[in-house]
Amino acid sequence: MKYYTRVVEEEIKQKLQASGALLIKGPKSCGKTETAKQFAESILQVDRDEQVPIAMSIDPKILLEGKTPRLIDEKKFRKPASLNIITGTGMSFTRPDGINVLSLASLGK
C-alpha cells in the first residue's frame, strides 16, 4: 500500500522532540496508525497480541520494552487497560531511553 505524506508530519516531528509521548487522535480510518508507523521503531498491537493481558497481570512495564519511538496501537481504546500500559507503568512523558508514539483509533465507552 502506498503511503501518502500528511501535512501533520512536521508537527509530529516537533512534538516528538519536545515530549516523551504523543497521542494521535482522529476519526476511524483517517491514517493515524500508518502515520505513526512512519516514526515508530517498534510496534505493540494491543488488541492483536495475545500476550498483552498476561503482561498486564505480571508487569505492565514489559509492554513498553522495545526500540523507541514505540507505537502502541489499538483499534478500540479500552479504559482502563490501555491507560494502564501508559500510566500504570510509572512512565513519564520524558523517558530517558526514548519516545513512545501512541495511536488510538477511538475512545471506548
C-alpha atoms as a PDB file:
ATOM      1  CA  MET A   1       0.000   0.000   0.000  1.00  0.00           C
ATOM      2  CA  LYS A   2       1.364   3.408  -0.942  1.00  0.00           C
ATOM      3  CA  TYR A   3       1.812   5.852   1.934  1.00  0.00           C
ATOM      4  CA  TYR A   4       0.864   9.460   1.307  1.00  0.00           C
ATOM      5  CA  THR A   5       2.720  12.120   3.271  1.00  0.00           C
ATOM      6  CA  ARG A   6       0.472  14.064   5.626  1.00  0.00           C
ATOM      7  CA  VAL A   7       0.565  17.755   6.492  1.00  0.00           C
ATOM      8  CA  VAL A   8       0.738  16.915  10.214  1.00  0.00           C
ATOM      9  CA  GLU A   9       4.090  15.087   9.946  1.00  0.00           C
ATOM     10  CA  GLU A  10       6.239  18.163  10.618  1.00  0.00           C
ATOM     11  CA  GLU A  11       4.199  18.903  13.728  1.00  0.00           C
ATOM     12  CA  ILE A  12       4.617  15.274  14.859  1.00  0.00           C
ATOM     13  CA  LYS A  13       8.407  15.584  14.488  1.00  0.00           C
ATOM     14  CA  GLN A  14       8.436  18.744  16.587  1.00  0.00           C
ATOM     15  CA  LYS A  15       6.201  17.226  19.281  1.00  0.00           C
ATOM     16  CA  LEU A  16       8.347  14.080  19.485  1.00  0.00           C
ATOM     17  CA  GLN A  17      11.468  16.186  20.004  1.00  0.00           C
ATOM     18  CA  ALA A  18       9.803  18.113  22.838  1.00  0.00           C
ATOM     19  CA  SER A  19       7.954  15.305  24.626  1.00  0.00           C
ATOM     20  CA  GLY A  20       8.318  11.658  25.573  1.00  0.00           C
ATOM     21  CA  ALA A  21       4.909  10.606  24.249  1.00  0.00           C
ATOM     22  CA  LEU A  22       2.480  11.650  21.556  1.00  0.00           C
ATOM     23  CA  LEU A  23      -1.229  10.893  21.256  1.00  0.00           C
ATOM     24  CA  ILE A  24      -2.587  10.807  17.719  1.00  0.00           C
ATOM     25  CA  LYS A  25      -6.385  11.099  17.641  1.00  0.00           C
ATOM     26  CA  GLY A  26      -8.774  11.267  14.721  1.00  0.00           C
ATOM     27  CA  PRO A  27     -11.726   9.628  13.015  1.00  0.00           C
ATOM     28  CA  LYS A  28     -11.666   5.959  12.145  1.00  0.00           C
ATOM     29  CA  SER A  29      -9.593   5.051   9.055  1.00  0.00           C
ATOM     30  CA  CYS A  30      -8.027   8.503   8.561  1.00  0.00           C
ATOM     31  CA  GLY A  31      -4.435   7.192   8.672  1.00  0.00           C
ATOM     32  CA  LYS A  32      -3.407   7.597  12.321  1.00  0.00           C
ATOM     33  CA  THR A  33      -1.643   4.244  12.551  1.00  0.00           C
ATOM     34  CA  GLU A  34       0.027   4.492   9.144  1.00  0.00           C
ATOM     35  CA  THR A  35       1.289   7.972  10.005  1.00  0.00           C
ATOM     36  CA  ALA A  36       2.578   6.807  13.412  1.00  0.00           C
ATOM     37  CA  LYS A  37       4.368   3.874  11.734  1.00  0.00           C
ATOM     38  CA  GLN A  38       6.498   6.392   9.805  1.00  0.00           C
ATOM     39  CA  PHE A  39       8.068   7.449  13.127  1.00  0.00           C
ATOM     40  CA  ALA A  40       7.994   4.195  15.130  1.00  0.00           C
ATOM     41  CA  GLU A  41      10.953   1.860  15.624  1.00  0.00           C
ATOM     42  CA  SER A  42       8.792  -0.821  17.278  1.00  0.00           C
ATOM     43  CA  ILE A  43       5.069  -1.576  17.497  1.00  0.00           C
ATOM     44  CA  LEU A  44       2.825  -3.091  20.163  1.00  0.00           C
ATOM     45  CA  GLN A  45      -0.557  -4.108  18.764  1.00  0.00           C
ATOM     46  CA  VAL A  46      -2.592  -4.209  21.963  1.00  0.00           C
ATOM     47  CA  ASP A  47      -5.749  -5.733  20.525  1.00  0.00           C
ATOM     48  CA  ARG A  48      -3.953  -8.351  18.403  1.00  0.00           C
ATOM     49  CA  ASP A  49      -1.219  -9.609  20.752  1.00  0.00           C
ATOM     50  CA  GLU A  50      -2.481 -12.437  22.972  1.00  0.00           C
ATOM     51  CA  GLN A  51       0.387 -11.836  25.419  1.00  0.00           C
ATOM     52  CA  VAL A  52      -0.831  -8.329  26.395  1.00  0.00           C
ATOM     53  CA  PRO A  53      -3.285  -9.471  29.120  1.00  0.00           C
ATOM     54  CA  ILE A  54      -0.618 -11.763  30.574  1.00  0.00           C
ATOM     55  CA  ALA A  55       1.997  -8.999  30.611  1.00  0.00           C
ATOM     56  CA  MET A  56      -0.526  -6.594  32.171  1.00  0.00           C
ATOM     57  CA  SER A  57      -1.129  -9.020  35.026  1.00  0.00           C
ATOM     58  CA  ILE A  58       2.600  -9.609  35.630  1.00  0.00           C
ATOM     59  CA  ASP A  59       4.234  -6.224  34.999  1.00  0.00           C
ATOM     60  CA  PRO A  60       2.835  -3.606  32.548  1.00  0.00           C
ATOM     61  CA  LYS A  61       6.348  -2.191  32.048  1.00  0.00           C
ATOM     62  CA  ILE A  62       7.075  -5.231  29.879  1.00  0.00           C
ATOM     63  CA  LEU A  63       4.778  -3.739  27.241  1.00  0.00           C
ATOM     64  CA  LEU A  64       6.980  -0.665  26.895  1.00  0.00           C
ATOM     65  CA  GLU A  65      10.084  -2.704  26.096  1.00  0.00           C
ATOM     66  CA  GLY A  66      11.263  -2.269  22.542  1.00  0.00           C
ATOM     67  CA  LYS A  67      13.026   0.222  20.341  1.00  0.00           C
ATOM     68  CA  THR A  68      11.795   3.782  20.610  1.00  0.00           C
ATOM     69  CA  PRO A  69       9.852   5.603  19.401  1.00  0.00           C
ATOM     70  CA  ARG A  70       7.360   2.824  20.231  1.00  0.00           C
ATOM     71  CA  LEU A  71       3.917   2.755  18.658  1.00  0.00           C
ATOM     72  CA  ILE A  72       1.217   1.432  20.979  1.00  0.00           C
ATOM     73  CA  ASP A  73      -1.658   0.721  18.635  1.00  0.00           C
ATOM     74  CA  GLU A  74      -5.168  -0.375  19.488  1.00  0.00           C
ATOM     75  CA  LYS A  75      -8.196  -0.393  17.197  1.00  0.00           C
ATOM     76  CA  LYS A  76     -10.607   0.348  20.022  1.00  0.00           C
ATOM     77  CA  PHE A  77      -9.204   2.222  23.014  1.00  0.00           C
ATOM     78  CA  ARG A  78     -10.287   0.342  26.132  1.00  0.00           C
ATOM     79  CA  LYS A  79     -10.205   2.005  29.522  1.00  0.00           C
ATOM     80  CA  PRO A  80      -8.523   1.407  31.868  1.00  0.00           C
ATOM     81  CA  ALA A  81      -6.429  -1.408  30.324  1.00  0.00           C
ATOM     82  CA  SER A  82      -4.822   0.782  27.660  1.00  0.00           C
ATOM     83  CA  LEU A  83      -4.232   3.607  30.110  1.00  0.00           C
ATOM     84  CA  ASN A  84      -2.540   1.166  32.475  1.00  0.00           C
ATOM     85  CA  ILE A  85       0.075   0.417  29.827  1.00  0.00           C
ATOM     86  CA  ILE A  86       0.919   4.106  29.684  1.00  0.00           C
ATOM     87  CA  THR A  87       0.277   5.463  33.177  1.00  0.00           C
ATOM     88  CA  GLY A  88       0.339   2.340  35.336  1.00  0.00           C
ATOM     89  CA  THR A  89       3.945   1.650  34.451  1.00  0.00           C
ATOM     90  CA  GLY A  90       5.410   4.767  36.019  1.00  0.00           C
ATOM     91  CA  MET A  91       6.388   6.066  32.582  1.00  0.00           C
ATOM     92  CA  SER A  92       6.692   9.821  32.438  1.00  0.00           C
ATOM     93  CA  PHE A  93       6.338  11.920  29.317  1.00  0.00           C
ATOM     94  CA  THR A  94      10.098  12.367  29.155  1.00  0.00           C
ATOM     95  CA  ARG A  95      11.687   8.946  29.235  1.00  0.00           C
ATOM     96  CA  PRO A  96      15.477   8.964  29.196  1.00  0.00           C
ATOM     97  CA  ASP A  97      15.559   5.981  26.821  1.00  0.00           C
ATOM     98  CA  GLY A  98      13.357   7.379  24.037  1.00  0.00           C
ATOM     99  CA  ILE A  99       9.914   8.361  22.882  1.00  0.00           C
ATOM    100  CA  ASN A 100       6.662   6.410  22.767  1.00  0.00           C
ATOM    101  CA  VAL A 101       4.195   7.144  19.969  1.00  0.00           C
ATOM    102  CA  LEU A 102       0.576   6.346  20.769  1.00  0.00           C
ATOM    103  CA  SER A 103      -2.082   5.818  18.145  1.00  0.00           C
ATOM    104  CA  LEU A 104      -5.607   5.449  19.398  1.00  0.00           C
ATOM    105  CA  ALA A 105      -8.418   4.878  16.893  1.00  0.00           C
ATOM    106  CA  SER A 106     -11.292   5.850  19.153  1.00  0.00           C
ATOM    107  CA  LEU A 107     -12.208   6.256  22.801  1.00  0.00           C
ATOM    108  CA  GLY A 108     -14.482   3.452  24.011  1.00  0.00           C
ATOM    109  CA  LYS A 109     -17.299   3.784  26.476  1.00  0.00           C
END
